[in-house]
Amino acid sequence: MTAQVLSYRPNTYGSLKQAVASLVHNAGGVRPAAELCRVGKSQLSDFANEYKEDSHAPVDVIMALERATGCRFVTDHLAAAHGCVVVQLPTGEALGIPTGALDMTGWLNLHARAAKEAAELTARIAQDLADGKITVAEARVALRECDEALAAIAACRVALEQIITAAAP
């Protein structure tokens, strides 16, 4: 009797298949993930398998799994592949924005926060460039400042969208 040697090749880190595999993993594996979407275990397994080059998850399956898990691995991968970044928009409720429109004080507070975060990012980068370069450690800190500025701008966007939504017939 000859022993069969099975080889295992993990997905390429950073590939679309790896993003799908991470999403399925965060859903608890193929069995629980299959219960969250319209395809079965075998198909989900194929979507994450780099040897199944012609098998890709449909958009509605990805949406169902990303919504259920709260993880945007595939969406973030696709955005990065196109040179973009996805910013999670906060809800108006999470921001304490009343349904409809903000009053003058609310708008001033949102705008002041956005301006403050942008100023802090600018100051951080200017300070980091004092020696003519930005180090990896400095870039990590500046990236957090950048994310805080993006979140503040996103809050303004949510408030503006609420005005438009409230006016829609």
C-alpha atoms as a PDB file:
ATOM      1  CA  MET A   1       0.000   0.000   0.000  1.00  0.00           C
ATOM      2  CA  THR A   2       1.404   3.363  -1.020  1.00  0.00           C
ATOM      3  CA  ALA A   3       0.888   6.382   1.165  1.00  0.00           C
ATOM      4  CA  GLN A   4      -0.700   9.308  -0.584  1.00  0.00           C
ATOM      5  CA  VAL A   5       1.031  12.618   0.031  1.00  0.00           C
ATOM      6  CA  LEU A   6      -1.341  15.547   0.077  1.00  0.00           C
ATOM      7  CA  SER A   7       0.060  18.983  -0.444  1.00  0.00           C
ATOM      8  CA  TYR A   8      -1.444  22.146   0.898  1.00  0.00           C
ATOM      9  CA  ARG A   9      -0.845  25.487  -0.695  1.00  0.00           C
ATOM     10  CA  PRO A  10      -2.267  28.411   1.243  1.00  0.00           C
ATOM     11  CA  ASN A  11      -3.834  31.291  -0.606  1.00  0.00           C
ATOM     12  CA  THR A  12      -1.565  34.096  -1.694  1.00  0.00           C
ATOM     13  CA  TYR A  13      -1.668  36.779   0.973  1.00  0.00           C
ATOM     14  CA  GLY A  14      -3.496  39.825  -0.333  1.00  0.00           C
ATOM     15  CA  SER A  15      -5.305  38.006  -3.145  1.00  0.00           C
ATOM     16  CA  LEU A  16      -9.023  38.199  -3.861  1.00  0.00           C
ATOM     17  CA  LYS A  17      -9.313  34.523  -2.949  1.00  0.00           C
ATOM     18  CA  GLN A  18      -7.624  35.259   0.400  1.00  0.00           C
ATOM     19  CA  ALA A  19     -10.107  38.077   1.041  1.00  0.00           C
ATOM     20  CA  VAL A  20     -12.980  35.662   0.393  1.00  0.00           C
ATOM     21  CA  ALA A  21     -11.330  33.030   2.606  1.00  0.00           C
ATOM     22  CA  SER A  22     -10.995  35.571   5.436  1.00  0.00           C
ATOM     23  CA  LEU A  23     -14.628  36.539   5.056  1.00  0.00           C
ATOM     24  CA  VAL A  24     -15.782  32.905   5.189  1.00  0.00           C
ATOM     25  CA  HIS A  25     -13.507  32.297   8.181  1.00  0.00           C
ATOM     26  CA  ASN A  26     -15.017  35.274  10.046  1.00  0.00           C
ATOM     27  CA  ALA A  27     -18.470  33.842   9.350  1.00  0.00           C
ATOM     28  CA  GLY A  28     -17.380  30.745  11.271  1.00  0.00           C
ATOM     29  CA  GLY A  29     -16.347  28.570   8.326  1.00  0.00           C
ATOM     30  CA  VAL A  30     -18.098  27.275   5.227  1.00  0.00           C
ATOM     31  CA  ARG A  31     -21.029  25.648   7.035  1.00  0.00           C
ATOM     32  CA  PRO A  32     -22.142  28.750   9.015  1.00  0.00           C
ATOM     33  CA  ALA A  33     -21.311  31.018   6.058  1.00  0.00           C
ATOM     34  CA  ALA A  34     -23.539  28.943   3.779  1.00  0.00           C
ATOM     35  CA  GLU A  35     -26.437  29.598   6.147  1.00  0.00           C
ATOM     36  CA  LEU A  36     -25.881  33.342   5.755  1.00  0.00           C
ATOM     37  CA  CYS A  37     -26.075  33.447   1.959  1.00  0.00           C
ATOM     38  CA  ARG A  38     -27.665  31.733  -1.037  1.00  0.00           C
ATOM     39  CA  VAL A  39     -24.856  29.328  -1.957  1.00  0.00           C
ATOM     40  CA  GLY A  40     -23.710  26.067  -0.400  1.00  0.00           C
ATOM     41  CA  LYS A  41     -20.560  24.958   1.379  1.00  0.00           C
ATOM     42  CA  SER A  42     -18.865  23.546  -1.730  1.00  0.00           C
ATOM     43  CA  GLN A  43     -19.344  26.743  -3.684  1.00  0.00           C
ATOM     44  CA  LEU A  44     -18.056  28.877  -0.825  1.00  0.00           C
ATOM     45  CA  SER A  45     -15.022  26.638  -0.584  1.00  0.00           C
ATOM     46  CA  ASP A  46     -14.418  27.014  -4.333  1.00  0.00           C
ATOM     47  CA  PHE A  47     -14.710  30.815  -4.108  1.00  0.00           C
ATOM     48  CA  ALA A  48     -11.785  30.822  -1.644  1.00  0.00           C
ATOM     49  CA  ASN A  49      -9.717  28.175  -3.443  1.00  0.00           C
ATOM     50  CA  GLU A  50      -6.926  29.546  -5.649  1.00  0.00           C
ATOM     51  CA  TYR A  51      -6.932  26.312  -7.648  1.00  0.00           C
ATOM     52  CA  LYS A  52     -10.508  27.131  -8.730  1.00  0.00           C
ATOM     53  CA  GLU A  53      -9.495  30.111 -10.838  1.00  0.00           C
ATOM     54  CA  ASP A  54     -12.835  30.367 -12.646  1.00  0.00           C
ATOM     55  CA  SER A  55     -14.950  30.243  -9.496  1.00  0.00           C
ATOM     56  CA  HIS A  56     -15.710  33.622  -7.940  1.00  0.00           C
ATOM     57  CA  ALA A  57     -18.290  34.710  -5.404  1.00  0.00           C
ATOM     58  CA  PRO A  58     -21.226  36.704  -6.773  1.00  0.00           C
ATOM     59  CA  VAL A  59     -21.646  40.222  -5.428  1.00  0.00           C
ATOM     60  CA  ASP A  60     -24.856  39.399  -3.540  1.00  0.00           C
ATOM     61  CA  VAL A  61     -23.089  36.567  -1.704  1.00  0.00           C
ATOM     62  CA  ILE A  62     -20.243  38.886  -0.706  1.00  0.00           C
ATOM     63  CA  MET A  63     -22.726  41.532   0.429  1.00  0.00           C
ATOM     64  CA  ALA A  64     -24.665  39.023   2.528  1.00  0.00           C
ATOM     65  CA  LEU A  65     -21.509  37.718   4.218  1.00  0.00           C
ATOM     66  CA  GLU A  66     -20.003  41.163   4.777  1.00  0.00           C
ATOM     67  CA  ARG A  67     -23.240  42.447   6.308  1.00  0.00           C
ATOM     68  CA  ALA A  68     -23.603  39.386   8.515  1.00  0.00           C
ATOM     69  CA  THR A  69     -20.001  39.461   9.765  1.00  0.00           C
ATOM     70  CA  GLY A  70     -19.381  43.197   9.812  1.00  0.00           C
ATOM     71  CA  CYS A  71     -16.128  42.548   7.922  1.00  0.00           C
ATOM     72  CA  ARG A  72     -15.419  44.174   4.546  1.00  0.00           C
ATOM     73  CA  PHE A  73     -12.459  42.061   3.449  1.00  0.00           C
ATOM     74  CA  VAL A  74     -13.561  41.721  -0.178  1.00  0.00           C
ATOM     75  CA  THR A  75     -14.853  45.283  -0.502  1.00  0.00           C
ATOM     76  CA  ASP A  76     -11.624  46.648   0.985  1.00  0.00           C
ATOM     77  CA  HIS A  77      -9.543  44.397  -1.296  1.00  0.00           C
ATOM     78  CA  LEU A  78     -11.379  45.590  -4.402  1.00  0.00           C
ATOM     79  CA  ALA A  79     -11.127  49.235  -3.343  1.00  0.00           C
ATOM     80  CA  ALA A  80      -7.373  48.900  -2.734  1.00  0.00           C
ATOM     81  CA  ALA A  81      -6.937  47.207  -6.119  1.00  0.00           C
ATOM     82  CA  HIS A  82      -8.409  50.356  -7.659  1.00  0.00           C
ATOM     83  CA  GLY A  83      -6.327  52.722  -5.549  1.00  0.00           C
ATOM     84  CA  CYS A  84      -9.246  53.616  -3.284  1.00  0.00           C
ATOM     85  CA  VAL A  85     -10.046  53.328   0.378  1.00  0.00           C
ATOM     86  CA  VAL A  86     -13.440  52.575   1.909  1.00  0.00           C
ATOM     87  CA  VAL A  87     -14.548  54.834   4.749  1.00  0.00           C
ATOM     88  CA  GLN A  88     -17.300  53.465   6.984  1.00  0.00           C
ATOM     89  CA  LEU A  89     -19.908  56.194   7.280  1.00  0.00           C
ATOM     90  CA  PRO A  90     -21.270  56.555  10.778  1.00  0.00           C
ATOM     91  CA  THR A  91     -25.022  56.660  11.284  1.00  0.00           C
ATOM     92  CA  GLY A  92     -26.698  59.880  12.285  1.00  0.00           C
ATOM     93  CA  GLU A  93     -27.865  58.195  15.486  1.00  0.00           C
ATOM     94  CA  ALA A  94     -24.308  57.165  16.388  1.00  0.00           C
ATOM     95  CA  LEU A  95     -23.222  60.767  15.893  1.00  0.00           C
ATOM     96  CA  GLY A  96     -26.099  62.132  17.952  1.00  0.00           C
ATOM     97  CA  ILE A  97     -27.542  63.885  14.919  1.00  0.00           C
ATOM     98  CA  PRO A  98     -31.302  64.305  15.212  1.00  0.00           C
ATOM     99  CA  THR A  99     -33.408  63.032  12.331  1.00  0.00           C
ATOM    100  CA  GLY A 100     -33.880  65.804   9.795  1.00  0.00           C
ATOM    101  CA  ALA A 101     -31.431  68.624  10.188  1.00  0.00           C
ATOM    102  CA  LEU A 102     -28.904  69.957  12.652  1.00  0.00           C
ATOM    103  CA  ASP A 103     -29.331  73.323  14.275  1.00  0.00           C
ATOM    104  CA  MET A 104     -26.673  76.023  13.923  1.00  0.00           C
ATOM    105  CA  THR A 105     -24.757  74.769  16.986  1.00  0.00           C
ATOM    106  CA  GLY A 106     -24.741  71.209  15.662  1.00  0.00           C
ATOM    107  CA  TRP A 107     -23.353  72.335  12.296  1.00  0.00           C
ATOM    108  CA  LEU A 108     -20.697  74.467  13.950  1.00  0.00           C
ATOM    109  CA  ASN A 109     -19.644  71.548  16.172  1.00  0.00           C
ATOM    110  CA  LEU A 110     -19.392  69.167  13.184  1.00  0.00           C
ATOM    111  CA  HIS A 111     -17.432  71.695  11.147  1.00  0.00           C
ATOM    112  CA  ALA A 112     -15.156  72.576  14.079  1.00  0.00           C
ATOM    113  CA  ARG A 113     -14.335  68.892  14.633  1.00  0.00           C
ATOM    114  CA  ALA A 114     -13.519  68.393  10.941  1.00  0.00           C
ATOM    115  CA  ALA A 115     -11.319  71.510  10.917  1.00  0.00           C
ATOM    116  CA  LYS A 116      -9.579  70.445  14.162  1.00  0.00           C
ATOM    117  CA  GLU A 117      -8.810  66.956  12.852  1.00  0.00           C
ATOM    118  CA  ALA A 118      -7.507  68.319   9.538  1.00  0.00           C
ATOM    119  CA  ALA A 119      -5.327  70.840  11.406  1.00  0.00           C
ATOM    120  CA  GLU A 120      -3.934  68.101  13.665  1.00  0.00           C
ATOM    121  CA  LEU A 121      -3.059  65.998  10.624  1.00  0.00           C
ATOM    122  CA  THR A 122      -1.348  68.963   8.972  1.00  0.00           C
ATOM    123  CA  ALA A 123       0.586  69.764  12.166  1.00  0.00           C
ATOM    124  CA  ARG A 124       1.637  66.121  12.591  1.00  0.00           C
ATOM    125  CA  ILE A 125       2.985  65.871   9.052  1.00  0.00           C
ATOM    126  CA  ALA A 126       4.752  69.244   9.309  1.00  0.00           C
ATOM    127  CA  GLN A 127       6.381  68.149  12.574  1.00  0.00           C
ATOM    128  CA  ASP A 128       7.392  64.804  11.094  1.00  0.00           C
ATOM    129  CA  LEU A 129       8.940  66.512   8.069  1.00  0.00           C
ATOM    130  CA  ALA A 130      11.124  68.746  10.249  1.00  0.00           C
ATOM    131  CA  ASP A 131      14.052  66.393   9.606  1.00  0.00           C
ATOM    132  CA  GLY A 132      13.195  66.046   5.913  1.00  0.00           C
ATOM    133  CA  LYS A 133      11.517  62.632   6.016  1.00  0.00           C
ATOM    134  CA  ILE A 134       8.694  60.685   7.597  1.00  0.00           C
ATOM    135  CA  THR A 135       9.725  57.478   9.349  1.00  0.00           C
ATOM    136  CA  VAL A 136       7.589  54.335   9.533  1.00  0.00           C
ATOM    137  CA  ALA A 137       6.727  55.067  13.178  1.00  0.00           C
ATOM    138  CA  GLU A 138       5.769  58.641  12.308  1.00  0.00           C
ATOM    139  CA  ALA A 139       3.704  57.433   9.361  1.00  0.00           C
ATOM    140  CA  ARG A 140       1.728  55.116  11.660  1.00  0.00           C
ATOM    141  CA  VAL A 141       0.844  57.999  13.967  1.00  0.00           C
ATOM    142  CA  ALA A 142       0.022  60.289  11.034  1.00  0.00           C
ATOM    143  CA  LEU A 143      -2.164  57.584   9.509  1.00  0.00           C
ATOM    144  CA  ARG A 144      -4.266  57.533  12.699  1.00  0.00           C
ATOM    145  CA  GLU A 145      -4.578  61.323  12.449  1.00  0.00           C
ATOM    146  CA  CYS A 146      -5.614  60.926   8.821  1.00  0.00           C
ATOM    147  CA  ASP A 147      -8.297  58.383   9.750  1.00  0.00           C
ATOM    148  CA  GLU A 148      -9.642  60.725  12.433  1.00  0.00           C
ATOM    149  CA  ALA A 149      -9.879  63.537   9.857  1.00  0.00           C
ATOM    150  CA  LEU A 150     -11.673  61.232   7.414  1.00  0.00           C
ATOM    151  CA  ALA A 151     -14.148  60.219  10.122  1.00  0.00           C
ATOM    152  CA  ALA A 152     -14.882  63.859  10.940  1.00  0.00           C
ATOM    153  CA  ILE A 153     -15.509  64.666   7.273  1.00  0.00           C
ATOM    154  CA  ALA A 154     -17.680  61.545   6.994  1.00  0.00           C
ATOM    155  CA  ALA A 155     -19.801  62.849   9.889  1.00  0.00           C
ATOM    156  CA  CYS A 156     -20.437  66.045   7.901  1.00  0.00           C
ATOM    157  CA  ARG A 157     -21.415  63.920   4.913  1.00  0.00           C
ATOM    158  CA  VAL A 158     -23.934  61.963   6.990  1.00  0.00           C
ATOM    159  CA  ALA A 159     -25.552  65.181   8.234  1.00  0.00           C
ATOM    160  CA  LEU A 160     -25.834  66.502   4.665  1.00  0.00           C
ATOM    161  CA  GLU A 161     -27.324  63.203   3.464  1.00  0.00           C
ATOM    162  CA  GLN A 162     -29.958  63.433   6.211  1.00  0.00           C
ATOM    163  CA  ILE A 163     -31.107  66.781   4.848  1.00  0.00           C
ATOM    164  CA  ILE A 164     -31.481  65.295   1.372  1.00  0.00           C
ATOM    165  CA  THR A 165     -33.221  62.165   2.658  1.00  0.00           C
ATOM    166  CA  ALA A 166     -35.631  64.174   4.794  1.00  0.00           C
ATOM    167  CA  ALA A 167     -36.632  66.261   1.753  1.00  0.00           C
ATOM    168  CA  ALA A 168     -37.185  63.259  -0.531  1.00  0.00           C
ATOM    169  CA  PRO A 169     -40.822  62.529  -1.391  1.00  0.00           C
END
